Amino acid sequence: MLCGGTGGLVADFEGLGNSMNENFFQTVFEQASEGIVLIDGASRYLLEANKAFGELVGYPEELLFSMTLNDFIDLSPVGVERLYNQALAGKDQYVGEVKCRRQGGTLIDVELRLSLIHFGEKELFCAVIRDITMYRRVEKDLLETGGRFRQAVFAAPLPIMIHAEDGLVVVVNSEWTKRTGYAFKDIPTIDAWVRKAFGTDSASMFEKLGFLYKTKTACTYEDLSVTTSNGEKLVWNFCSAPAGTLPDERRLFITIAMDVTAGKRTENDLKAALHEKDSMLREVHLRAKNNMQVIMSLLNLQSRYINNPDAQEFFRESQERVRAMVLIHEMLCNSGNPARIDFNEYARSLVGGIISAYSPNQSNLQVEMRISRIVVSLEIAVPCGLIIHELVSNSLKHGFPDVKSGMISIDFDCDEAGLYTLVVGDNGIGLPRGLDMEAPATLGLSLVTTLAKQLQGVVEFIGTSGTVCKISFRG
């Protein structure tokens, strides 16, 4: 700390109620990177000056305290006095850009902050001087070598910041200030920007924002939530890329931000709507399953009052058909997508239930299932499931009358053109000769043709050994 020749300000004001101690001066003055001076309010002479100020102006310590602000600021005495009077009259400190004269007459661009301080009955001025020559030089270089680029930066409809690799902010355009409320003087560094934009979360954001001044790739993107000066929450998509170097070889980067707040809100609304839709679908499937289980129970109760075996079989078949649909709704309730179902998993569960219901003791029965991993909608799953139910149960009941063994095969696939093919076959006795498939005599086969029409598909019964039914349709 540089002190005046009268023993320093502490000695001058010893005994005042608000005296400043040596530790305070050491902390504020010695660690400050900006030039700081204390000026006597009456004589206008310098009383204290920190090391940064001495280096800034280049005068030796023994000369500083015989000088006034007029010796450093490139303004007329009247102009300098006007600054004092503005600080005296104003509630806030004076802030402005002026020229500073160094020893030897060299002029540099500085930002001057001048404020009034009261110590008892005495008045002091505190001047904080920051060298902004580098900023002005960069602006000049941008103007001279890239006038169109500069014009584009400041006229761009998107927020733009230019900064150095050490976090020094060189330029922010008017759109950045307009949208955030933070001007260039408010965010001299990336650290200052992070503290203002992220507040209590700033510590965790420093590393995330490291890409802003460390990226080596052509372009880096990231969505982050920022807070404006008036407390509004925004979501910005940051894009940062290298943009040359400063005169001292520090790398420069340009960061462009896009406000995606509305898009994020829409995205969140859509996610909420989809979640609500999924919940509603699951509730629909759950209620459908419960209602169908009630129907199965009613059919079961009703069948107990019927003595005719054929009529009881009709009731049992109806129960199994309802069970095929219950299984679909049950799987949809528990799936990740309540609108679509894994047909491979469904068909295997369905066929296992049919075999248990119709032929629990057929240990020699073989079932071959070649089903692709296809996820289908409810509109496809229900008719295809019922078709499989009718054909498999028909094979179990009528296909092997003499030998309690045989083979049932099920194939289901979809080609690249969207053509589905369902083939259900057995190696049993086959269909009765002369059966008219346009007007089948049994309810089961009639259901197969009706369900195929519902799918807008084509039904074919092929082969001479056993029964093979092929249904082709488009999803």
Protein backbone atom coordinates (compact mmCIF):
# COMPACT_ATOMS: atom_id res chain seq x y z
CA MET A 1 0.00 0.00 0.00
CA LEU A 2 1.29 3.44 -0.93
CA CYS A 3 0.77 6.05 1.80
CA GLY A 4 0.99 9.85 1.86
CA GLY A 5 3.93 11.63 3.40
CA THR A 6 1.93 12.83 6.44
CA GLY A 7 1.87 9.39 8.02
CA GLY A 8 -1.11 8.04 6.13
CA LEU A 9 -4.86 8.41 6.35
CA VAL A 10 -5.13 6.20 9.42
CA ALA A 11 -2.85 8.53 11.37
CA ASP A 12 -4.65 11.63 10.08
CA PHE A 13 -8.01 10.38 11.29
CA GLU A 14 -6.98 8.53 14.41
CA GLY A 15 -9.58 8.94 17.09
CA LEU A 16 -12.54 9.34 14.72
CA GLY A 17 -15.55 7.11 15.49
CA ASN A 18 -15.34 5.30 12.13
CA SER A 19 -11.57 4.90 11.83
CA MET A 20 -10.19 2.42 9.32
CA ASN A 21 -7.64 -0.12 10.50
CA GLU A 22 -4.52 -1.30 8.76
CA ASN A 23 -5.92 -4.78 8.03
CA PHE A 24 -8.76 -3.26 6.07
CA PHE A 25 -6.37 -1.25 3.89
CA GLN A 26 -4.18 -4.26 3.27
CA THR A 27 -7.14 -6.37 2.18
CA VAL A 28 -8.85 -3.77 -0.02
CA PHE A 29 -5.83 -1.97 -1.43
CA GLU A 30 -3.18 -4.62 -1.88
CA GLN A 31 -5.39 -7.34 -3.39
CA ALA A 32 -7.32 -5.05 -5.71
CA SER A 33 -6.50 -5.41 -9.40
CA GLU A 34 -7.91 -1.97 -10.12
CA GLY A 35 -6.28 1.32 -9.19
CA ILE A 36 -7.74 2.81 -6.00
CA VAL A 37 -6.94 6.27 -4.55
CA LEU A 38 -8.36 8.28 -1.67
CA ILE A 39 -8.52 12.04 -2.24
CA ASP A 40 -8.83 14.79 0.37
CA GLY A 41 -12.16 16.55 -0.14
CA ALA A 42 -10.82 19.98 0.70
CA SER A 43 -7.36 20.12 -0.93
CA ARG A 44 -8.05 17.55 -3.70
CA TYR A 45 -4.59 15.99 -3.07
CA LEU A 46 -4.08 12.23 -3.06
CA LEU A 47 -3.94 10.72 0.45
CA GLU A 48 -3.68 7.01 -0.33
CA ALA A 49 -2.97 4.97 -3.46
CA ASN A 50 -2.67 1.24 -3.96
CA LYS A 51 0.03 -0.58 -5.89
CA ALA A 52 -2.23 -1.12 -8.91
CA PHE A 53 -2.74 2.63 -9.27
CA GLY A 54 0.99 3.30 -9.10
CA GLU A 55 1.59 0.75 -11.86
CA LEU A 56 -1.26 2.17 -13.92
CA VAL A 57 -0.03 5.79 -13.98
CA GLY A 58 3.70 4.98 -13.79
CA TYR A 59 4.66 7.77 -11.34
CA PRO A 60 7.04 7.05 -8.43
CA GLU A 61 5.55 6.99 -4.94
CA GLU A 62 7.34 10.17 -3.78
CA LEU A 63 5.54 12.20 -6.48
CA LEU A 64 2.03 10.76 -6.14
CA PHE A 65 1.03 12.54 -2.96
CA SER A 66 1.90 15.96 -4.29
CA MET A 67 -0.48 15.43 -7.20
CA THR A 68 -4.22 15.80 -7.76
CA LEU A 69 -6.68 14.07 -10.04
CA ASN A 70 -6.10 16.88 -12.57
CA ASP A 71 -2.59 15.50 -13.11
CA PHE A 72 -3.93 12.13 -14.26
CA ILE A 73 -7.30 12.73 -15.91
CA ASP A 74 -7.18 14.28 -19.36
CA LEU A 75 -9.84 16.87 -18.61
CA SER A 76 -9.69 20.59 -17.91
CA PRO A 77 -9.64 21.63 -14.23
CA VAL A 78 -13.25 22.70 -14.68
CA GLY A 79 -14.13 19.30 -16.10
CA VAL A 80 -12.48 17.47 -13.19
CA GLU A 81 -14.21 19.73 -10.67
CA ARG A 82 -17.49 18.95 -12.38
CA LEU A 83 -16.88 15.26 -11.64
CA TYR A 84 -16.32 16.10 -7.96
CA ASN A 85 -19.48 18.15 -7.85
CA GLN A 86 -21.45 15.36 -9.52
CA ALA A 87 -20.22 12.94 -6.86
CA LEU A 88 -21.10 15.47 -4.14
CA ALA A 89 -24.60 16.03 -5.47
CA GLY A 90 -25.50 12.50 -6.51
CA LYS A 91 -26.81 9.66 -4.37
CA ASP A 92 -24.77 7.13 -6.34
CA GLN A 93 -21.15 7.14 -7.43
CA TYR A 94 -20.11 8.75 -10.69
CA VAL A 95 -19.22 6.18 -13.38
CA GLY A 96 -17.73 7.13 -16.71
CA GLU A 97 -14.98 6.54 -19.24
CA VAL A 98 -12.13 9.06 -19.48
CA LYS A 99 -8.54 9.29 -20.65
CA CYS A 100 -5.81 8.76 -18.06
CA ARG A 101 -2.41 10.41 -18.52
CA ARG A 102 0.56 8.24 -17.57
CA GLN A 103 4.04 9.51 -16.77
CA GLY A 104 5.55 10.58 -20.05
CA GLY A 105 2.24 11.83 -21.41
CA THR A 106 0.82 8.56 -22.77
CA LEU A 107 -2.98 8.49 -22.67
CA ILE A 108 -4.88 5.30 -21.91
CA ASP A 109 -8.62 4.54 -21.75
CA VAL A 110 -9.93 4.00 -18.22
CA GLU A 111 -13.23 3.58 -16.45
CA LEU A 112 -13.51 6.00 -13.52
CA ARG A 113 -15.75 5.43 -10.51
CA LEU A 114 -15.80 8.39 -8.14
CA SER A 115 -17.74 8.33 -4.88
CA LEU A 116 -17.98 10.46 -1.76
CA ILE A 117 -17.00 9.07 1.67
CA HIS A 118 -17.68 10.76 5.03
CA PHE A 119 -15.28 10.36 7.99
CA GLY A 120 -16.68 12.32 10.83
CA GLU A 121 -16.87 15.87 9.59
CA LYS A 122 -14.36 15.32 6.83
CA GLU A 123 -15.14 14.42 3.26
CA LEU A 124 -13.03 12.13 1.10
CA PHE A 125 -13.34 11.00 -2.48
CA CYS A 126 -12.65 7.38 -3.44
CA ALA A 127 -11.61 6.92 -7.07
CA VAL A 128 -11.49 3.44 -8.62
CA ILE A 129 -9.76 3.39 -11.99
CA ARG A 130 -9.85 0.39 -14.32
CA ASP A 131 -7.74 0.13 -17.46
CA ILE A 132 -10.04 -0.58 -20.42
CA THR A 133 -7.42 0.01 -23.10
CA MET A 134 -7.57 -3.65 -24.12
CA TYR A 135 -11.31 -3.48 -24.65
CA ARG A 136 -11.04 -0.37 -26.74
CA ARG A 137 -8.19 -1.89 -28.74
CA VAL A 138 -10.26 -4.98 -29.43
CA GLU A 139 -13.18 -2.83 -30.48
CA LYS A 140 -10.89 -0.82 -32.75
CA ASP A 141 -9.47 -4.01 -34.27
CA LEU A 142 -12.95 -5.33 -34.80
CA LEU A 143 -13.98 -2.07 -36.41
CA GLU A 144 -10.93 -1.84 -38.66
CA THR A 145 -10.55 -5.50 -39.65
CA GLY A 146 -14.09 -6.72 -39.34
CA GLY A 147 -16.50 -3.83 -39.63
CA ARG A 148 -19.19 -5.98 -41.15
CA PHE A 149 -18.69 -8.63 -38.50
CA ARG A 150 -18.96 -6.03 -35.74
CA GLN A 151 -22.07 -4.58 -37.32
CA ALA A 152 -23.57 -8.06 -37.55
CA VAL A 153 -22.72 -8.79 -33.88
CA PHE A 154 -24.36 -5.63 -32.56
CA ALA A 155 -27.32 -5.78 -34.93
CA ALA A 156 -27.92 -9.51 -34.52
CA PRO A 157 -31.36 -10.52 -33.19
CA LEU A 158 -29.67 -13.10 -30.94
CA PRO A 159 -27.65 -12.43 -27.75
CA ILE A 160 -23.92 -12.53 -28.52
CA MET A 161 -20.89 -12.37 -26.22
CA ILE A 162 -17.19 -12.32 -27.17
CA HIS A 163 -14.80 -13.42 -24.43
CA ALA A 164 -11.23 -14.56 -23.86
CA GLU A 165 -10.08 -18.00 -22.76
CA ASP A 166 -9.41 -16.76 -19.21
CA GLY A 167 -13.02 -15.62 -18.88
CA LEU A 168 -12.52 -11.93 -19.70
CA VAL A 169 -15.64 -10.53 -21.41
CA VAL A 170 -14.71 -8.32 -24.36
CA VAL A 171 -18.05 -7.55 -26.00
CA VAL A 172 -21.74 -8.13 -25.30
CA ASN A 173 -24.23 -6.94 -27.88
CA SER A 174 -27.39 -4.96 -27.22
CA GLU A 175 -29.62 -8.03 -27.56
CA TRP A 176 -27.78 -9.74 -24.70
CA THR A 177 -28.30 -6.68 -22.50
CA LYS A 178 -31.91 -6.27 -23.63
CA ARG A 179 -32.90 -9.83 -22.76
CA THR A 180 -30.96 -10.24 -19.51
CA GLY A 181 -30.82 -6.69 -18.18
CA TYR A 182 -27.03 -7.02 -17.71
CA ALA A 183 -24.85 -4.52 -19.56
CA PHE A 184 -21.15 -4.89 -20.32
CA LYS A 185 -20.16 -3.07 -17.12
CA ASP A 186 -22.20 -5.56 -15.06
CA ILE A 187 -20.50 -8.67 -16.43
CA PRO A 188 -16.80 -7.94 -17.02
CA THR A 189 -15.96 -11.67 -16.72
CA ILE A 190 -17.60 -15.02 -17.27
CA ASP A 191 -17.46 -15.55 -13.49
CA ALA A 192 -19.44 -12.35 -12.93
CA TRP A 193 -21.98 -13.44 -15.55
CA VAL A 194 -22.38 -16.86 -13.92
CA ARG A 195 -22.93 -15.34 -10.47
CA LYS A 196 -25.64 -13.04 -11.77
CA ALA A 197 -27.31 -15.51 -14.11
CA PHE A 198 -27.30 -18.54 -11.83
CA GLY A 199 -27.22 -17.08 -8.31
CA THR A 200 -27.17 -19.80 -5.68
CA ASP A 201 -26.43 -22.40 -8.37
CA SER A 202 -23.41 -20.52 -9.68
CA ALA A 203 -20.83 -22.82 -8.07
CA SER A 204 -22.19 -25.87 -9.90
CA MET A 205 -22.45 -23.92 -13.15
CA PHE A 206 -18.80 -22.85 -13.41
CA GLU A 207 -17.72 -26.26 -14.65
CA LYS A 208 -20.72 -26.59 -16.96
CA LEU A 209 -19.93 -23.23 -18.50
CA GLY A 210 -16.27 -24.13 -18.89
CA PHE A 211 -16.99 -24.85 -22.53
CA LEU A 212 -17.63 -21.14 -23.01
CA TYR A 213 -13.96 -20.35 -22.84
CA LYS A 214 -12.19 -23.72 -23.06
CA THR A 215 -13.78 -25.44 -26.02
CA LYS A 216 -11.49 -26.55 -28.82
CA THR A 217 -14.20 -27.87 -31.10
CA ALA A 218 -15.82 -25.95 -33.90
CA CYS A 219 -19.02 -25.50 -31.93
CA THR A 220 -20.45 -26.60 -28.59
CA TYR A 221 -24.11 -26.49 -27.54
CA GLU A 222 -25.84 -26.68 -24.17
CA ASP A 223 -29.26 -25.71 -22.75
CA LEU A 224 -29.07 -23.89 -19.41
CA SER A 225 -31.54 -22.01 -17.22
CA VAL A 226 -30.60 -18.37 -16.59
CA THR A 227 -32.07 -15.62 -14.41
CA THR A 228 -32.44 -12.07 -15.70
CA SER A 229 -31.77 -8.94 -13.65
CA ASN A 230 -35.49 -8.68 -12.79
CA GLY A 231 -35.69 -12.31 -11.64
CA GLU A 232 -37.32 -13.81 -14.75
CA LYS A 233 -36.34 -17.43 -15.46
CA LEU A 234 -35.28 -18.21 -19.03
CA VAL A 235 -33.85 -21.24 -20.81
CA TRP A 236 -31.06 -20.41 -23.24
CA ASN A 237 -29.31 -22.65 -25.71
CA PHE A 238 -25.64 -21.60 -25.70
CA CYS A 239 -23.42 -22.12 -28.72
CA SER A 240 -19.71 -21.32 -28.36
CA ALA A 241 -16.89 -21.47 -30.90
CA PRO A 242 -13.29 -20.17 -31.27
CA ALA A 243 -13.07 -16.67 -32.79
CA GLY A 244 -9.39 -15.70 -33.15
CA THR A 245 -7.00 -14.19 -30.58
CA LEU A 246 -6.36 -10.98 -28.67
CA PRO A 247 -3.20 -8.93 -29.33
CA ASP A 248 -1.56 -10.68 -26.36
CA GLU A 249 -2.30 -14.11 -27.96
CA ARG A 250 -5.14 -15.03 -25.62
CA ARG A 251 -7.73 -17.04 -27.52
CA LEU A 252 -11.10 -15.43 -28.20
CA PHE A 253 -14.46 -17.18 -28.32
CA ILE A 254 -17.86 -16.11 -29.54
CA THR A 255 -20.92 -17.33 -27.68
CA ILE A 256 -24.37 -17.04 -29.22
CA ALA A 257 -27.47 -17.71 -27.15
CA MET A 258 -30.94 -18.64 -28.33
CA ASP A 259 -33.95 -18.25 -26.07
CA VAL A 260 -35.71 -21.63 -26.07
CA THR A 261 -37.92 -20.89 -23.07
CA ALA A 262 -41.18 -21.13 -25.03
CA GLY A 263 -40.05 -24.35 -26.69
CA LYS A 264 -39.08 -25.90 -23.35
CA ARG A 265 -42.41 -24.91 -21.84
CA THR A 266 -44.22 -26.46 -24.80
CA GLU A 267 -42.06 -29.57 -24.48
CA ASN A 268 -42.84 -29.82 -20.76
CA ASP A 269 -46.55 -29.28 -21.46
CA LEU A 270 -46.46 -32.04 -24.08
CA LYS A 271 -44.67 -34.38 -21.68
CA ALA A 272 -47.27 -33.64 -19.02
CA ALA A 273 -50.07 -34.20 -21.53
CA LEU A 274 -48.52 -37.48 -22.70
CA HIS A 275 -48.11 -38.61 -19.10
CA GLU A 276 -51.75 -37.76 -18.43
CA LYS A 277 -52.77 -39.59 -21.60
CA ASP A 278 -50.77 -42.66 -20.56
CA SER A 279 -52.38 -42.59 -17.14
CA MET A 280 -55.83 -42.34 -18.70
CA LEU A 281 -55.09 -45.20 -21.11
CA ARG A 282 -53.88 -47.39 -18.28
CA GLU A 283 -57.03 -46.58 -16.35
CA VAL A 284 -59.15 -47.45 -19.42
CA HIS A 285 -57.34 -50.78 -19.87
CA LEU A 286 -57.66 -51.54 -16.16
CA ARG A 287 -61.40 -50.88 -16.20
CA ALA A 288 -61.85 -52.86 -19.42
CA LYS A 289 -59.95 -55.78 -17.89
CA ASN A 290 -62.02 -55.63 -14.69
CA ASN A 291 -65.29 -55.43 -16.62
CA MET A 292 -64.34 -58.40 -18.80
CA GLN A 293 -63.37 -60.40 -15.73
CA VAL A 294 -66.84 -59.67 -14.36
CA ILE A 295 -68.31 -60.97 -17.62
CA MET A 296 -66.21 -64.14 -17.31
CA SER A 297 -67.44 -64.64 -13.76
CA LEU A 298 -71.05 -64.16 -14.85
CA LEU A 299 -70.63 -66.67 -17.68
CA ASN A 300 -69.09 -69.13 -15.25
CA LEU A 301 -71.93 -68.70 -12.74
CA GLN A 302 -74.55 -69.01 -15.46
CA SER A 303 -73.01 -72.20 -16.83
CA ARG A 304 -73.50 -73.92 -13.46
CA TYR A 305 -77.25 -73.80 -13.97
CA ILE A 306 -77.03 -75.51 -17.36
CA ASN A 307 -77.09 -79.29 -17.60
CA ASN A 308 -76.63 -79.57 -21.35
CA PRO A 309 -72.91 -80.37 -22.05
CA ASP A 310 -73.00 -78.65 -25.46
CA ALA A 311 -74.42 -75.48 -23.93
CA GLN A 312 -71.80 -75.59 -21.15
CA GLU A 313 -69.10 -75.87 -23.82
CA PHE A 314 -70.50 -72.78 -25.53
CA PHE A 315 -70.23 -70.87 -22.26
CA ARG A 316 -66.67 -72.09 -21.73
CA GLU A 317 -65.64 -71.06 -25.22
CA SER A 318 -67.13 -67.61 -24.64
CA GLN A 319 -65.16 -67.32 -21.40
CA GLU A 320 -61.92 -68.20 -23.20
CA ARG A 321 -62.59 -65.62 -25.91
CA VAL A 322 -63.09 -62.97 -23.25
CA ARG A 323 -59.93 -64.20 -21.52
CA ALA A 324 -57.96 -63.55 -24.74
CA MET A 325 -59.05 -59.90 -24.62
CA VAL A 326 -58.48 -59.62 -20.85
CA LEU A 327 -54.89 -60.71 -21.36
CA ILE A 328 -54.32 -57.84 -23.83
CA HIS A 329 -55.65 -55.18 -21.47
CA GLU A 330 -53.70 -56.67 -18.57
CA MET A 331 -50.44 -56.52 -20.54
CA LEU A 332 -51.15 -52.97 -21.71
CA CYS A 333 -51.74 -51.89 -18.09
CA ASN A 334 -48.27 -53.12 -17.14
CA SER A 335 -46.35 -52.13 -20.28
CA GLY A 336 -44.21 -49.06 -20.84
CA ASN A 337 -46.51 -48.03 -23.68
CA PRO A 338 -50.21 -48.44 -22.85
CA ALA A 339 -51.16 -47.95 -26.52
CA ARG A 340 -49.06 -50.77 -28.05
CA ILE A 341 -48.26 -54.37 -27.13
CA ASP A 342 -45.39 -56.80 -27.73
CA PHE A 343 -47.19 -59.38 -29.86
CA ASN A 344 -44.59 -62.11 -29.34
CA GLU A 345 -45.04 -61.98 -25.55
CA TYR A 346 -48.81 -61.75 -25.88
CA ALA A 347 -49.16 -64.69 -28.29
CA ARG A 348 -47.04 -66.98 -26.13
CA SER A 349 -49.09 -66.18 -23.02
CA LEU A 350 -52.31 -66.57 -24.99
CA VAL A 351 -51.41 -69.99 -26.47
CA GLY A 352 -50.17 -71.25 -23.10
CA GLY A 353 -53.55 -70.36 -21.57
CA ILE A 354 -55.48 -72.04 -24.41
CA ILE A 355 -53.54 -75.29 -24.04
CA SER A 356 -54.05 -75.27 -20.27
CA ALA A 357 -57.79 -74.73 -20.75
CA TYR A 358 -58.46 -77.26 -23.53
CA SER A 359 -55.75 -79.92 -23.36
CA PRO A 360 -53.90 -79.77 -20.02
CA ASN A 361 -52.79 -83.43 -20.29
CA GLN A 362 -51.47 -83.45 -23.86
CA SER A 363 -47.81 -83.97 -23.00
CA ASN A 364 -46.99 -85.04 -26.57
CA LEU A 365 -48.34 -81.85 -28.11
CA GLN A 366 -45.67 -79.65 -29.69
CA VAL A 367 -46.13 -75.95 -30.38
CA GLU A 368 -43.75 -74.06 -32.65
CA MET A 369 -44.00 -70.27 -32.54
CA ARG A 370 -42.02 -68.13 -34.98
CA ILE A 371 -43.09 -64.60 -34.11
CA SER A 372 -40.96 -61.54 -34.80
CA ARG A 373 -40.42 -58.94 -32.11
CA ILE A 374 -43.28 -56.80 -33.32
CA VAL A 375 -45.06 -54.13 -31.29
CA VAL A 376 -48.62 -53.66 -32.53
CA SER A 377 -51.60 -51.48 -31.71
CA LEU A 378 -54.75 -52.60 -29.93
CA GLU A 379 -56.59 -52.57 -33.28
CA ILE A 380 -54.28 -55.34 -34.55
CA ALA A 381 -53.65 -57.23 -31.31
CA VAL A 382 -57.32 -57.94 -30.45
CA PRO A 383 -58.47 -59.48 -33.79
CA CYS A 384 -55.18 -61.35 -34.29
CA GLY A 385 -55.35 -62.69 -30.73
CA LEU A 386 -58.94 -63.88 -31.25
CA ILE A 387 -58.01 -65.47 -34.58
CA ILE A 388 -55.16 -67.39 -32.91
CA HIS A 389 -57.52 -68.38 -30.11
CA GLU A 390 -60.13 -69.76 -32.52
CA LEU A 391 -57.67 -71.66 -34.73
CA VAL A 392 -55.56 -73.13 -31.90
CA SER A 393 -58.57 -74.16 -29.83
CA ASN A 394 -60.16 -75.65 -32.94
CA SER A 395 -56.98 -77.69 -33.57
CA LEU A 396 -56.98 -78.92 -29.96
CA LYS A 397 -60.64 -79.91 -30.05
CA HIS A 398 -60.94 -81.35 -33.56
CA GLY A 399 -57.52 -81.71 -35.18
CA PHE A 400 -56.30 -84.80 -33.26
CA PRO A 401 -59.33 -86.99 -32.48
CA ASP A 402 -57.50 -90.34 -32.42
CA VAL A 403 -54.04 -89.51 -31.14
CA LYS A 404 -53.47 -87.16 -28.24
CA SER A 405 -50.37 -85.68 -29.82
CA GLY A 406 -49.44 -83.48 -32.73
CA MET A 407 -47.89 -80.20 -33.74
CA ILE A 408 -49.31 -76.70 -33.91
CA SER A 409 -47.33 -73.90 -35.57
CA ILE A 410 -47.84 -70.13 -35.39
CA ASP A 411 -45.97 -67.61 -37.57
CA PHE A 412 -46.37 -63.84 -37.43
CA ASP A 413 -44.26 -61.30 -39.31
CA CYS A 414 -44.31 -57.90 -40.97
CA ASP A 415 -42.24 -56.97 -44.02
CA GLU A 416 -40.66 -53.61 -44.87
CA ALA A 417 -43.72 -52.57 -46.86
CA GLY A 418 -45.95 -52.95 -43.78
CA LEU A 419 -47.63 -56.20 -44.86
CA TYR A 420 -48.49 -58.44 -41.89
CA THR A 421 -48.73 -62.20 -42.29
CA LEU A 422 -50.31 -64.50 -39.69
CA VAL A 423 -50.14 -68.26 -40.31
CA VAL A 424 -51.65 -70.81 -37.89
CA GLY A 425 -51.42 -74.51 -38.80
CA ASP A 426 -51.48 -78.08 -37.46
CA ASN A 427 -50.66 -81.55 -38.78
CA GLY A 428 -54.02 -83.01 -37.77
CA ILE A 429 -56.86 -84.46 -39.84
CA GLY A 430 -57.62 -81.22 -41.64
CA LEU A 431 -60.90 -79.48 -42.41
CA PRO A 432 -64.00 -81.42 -43.49
CA ARG A 433 -64.28 -81.98 -47.23
CA GLY A 434 -66.61 -79.62 -49.05
CA LEU A 435 -66.50 -76.95 -46.32
CA ASP A 436 -67.65 -73.60 -47.72
CA MET A 437 -65.33 -70.98 -46.18
CA GLU A 438 -67.61 -68.20 -47.40
CA ALA A 439 -70.33 -69.56 -45.08
CA PRO A 440 -68.58 -71.78 -42.49
CA ALA A 441 -70.81 -73.94 -40.34
CA THR A 442 -68.94 -73.34 -37.06
CA LEU A 443 -68.88 -70.17 -34.99
CA GLY A 444 -65.09 -70.35 -34.62
CA LEU A 445 -64.36 -70.34 -38.36
CA SER A 446 -67.04 -67.71 -38.92
CA LEU A 447 -65.25 -65.50 -36.36
CA VAL A 448 -61.94 -66.00 -38.20
CA THR A 449 -63.35 -64.72 -41.49
CA THR A 450 -65.17 -61.84 -39.74
CA LEU A 451 -62.05 -60.76 -37.85
CA ALA A 452 -59.95 -60.97 -41.04
CA LYS A 453 -62.41 -58.63 -42.76
CA GLN A 454 -62.10 -56.30 -39.77
CA LEU A 455 -58.36 -56.18 -40.48
CA GLN A 456 -59.16 -55.70 -44.20
CA GLY A 457 -57.14 -58.85 -44.78
CA VAL A 458 -57.26 -61.91 -47.01
CA VAL A 459 -57.90 -65.42 -45.59
CA GLU A 460 -56.45 -68.52 -47.23
CA PHE A 461 -56.70 -72.18 -46.14
CA ILE A 462 -53.79 -73.99 -47.77
CA GLY A 463 -52.27 -77.48 -47.93
CA THR A 464 -53.76 -80.95 -47.94
CA SER A 465 -52.17 -82.37 -44.76
CA GLY A 466 -53.59 -80.85 -41.64
CA THR A 467 -55.05 -77.35 -41.47
CA VAL A 468 -53.11 -74.20 -42.34
CA CYS A 469 -54.76 -70.78 -42.26
CA LYS A 470 -52.92 -67.75 -43.68
CA ILE A 471 -54.15 -64.20 -43.16
CA SER A 472 -52.46 -61.21 -44.84
CA PHE A 473 -53.26 -57.59 -44.06
CA ARG A 474 -51.70 -54.14 -43.90
CA GLY A 475 -51.31 -52.28 -40.61
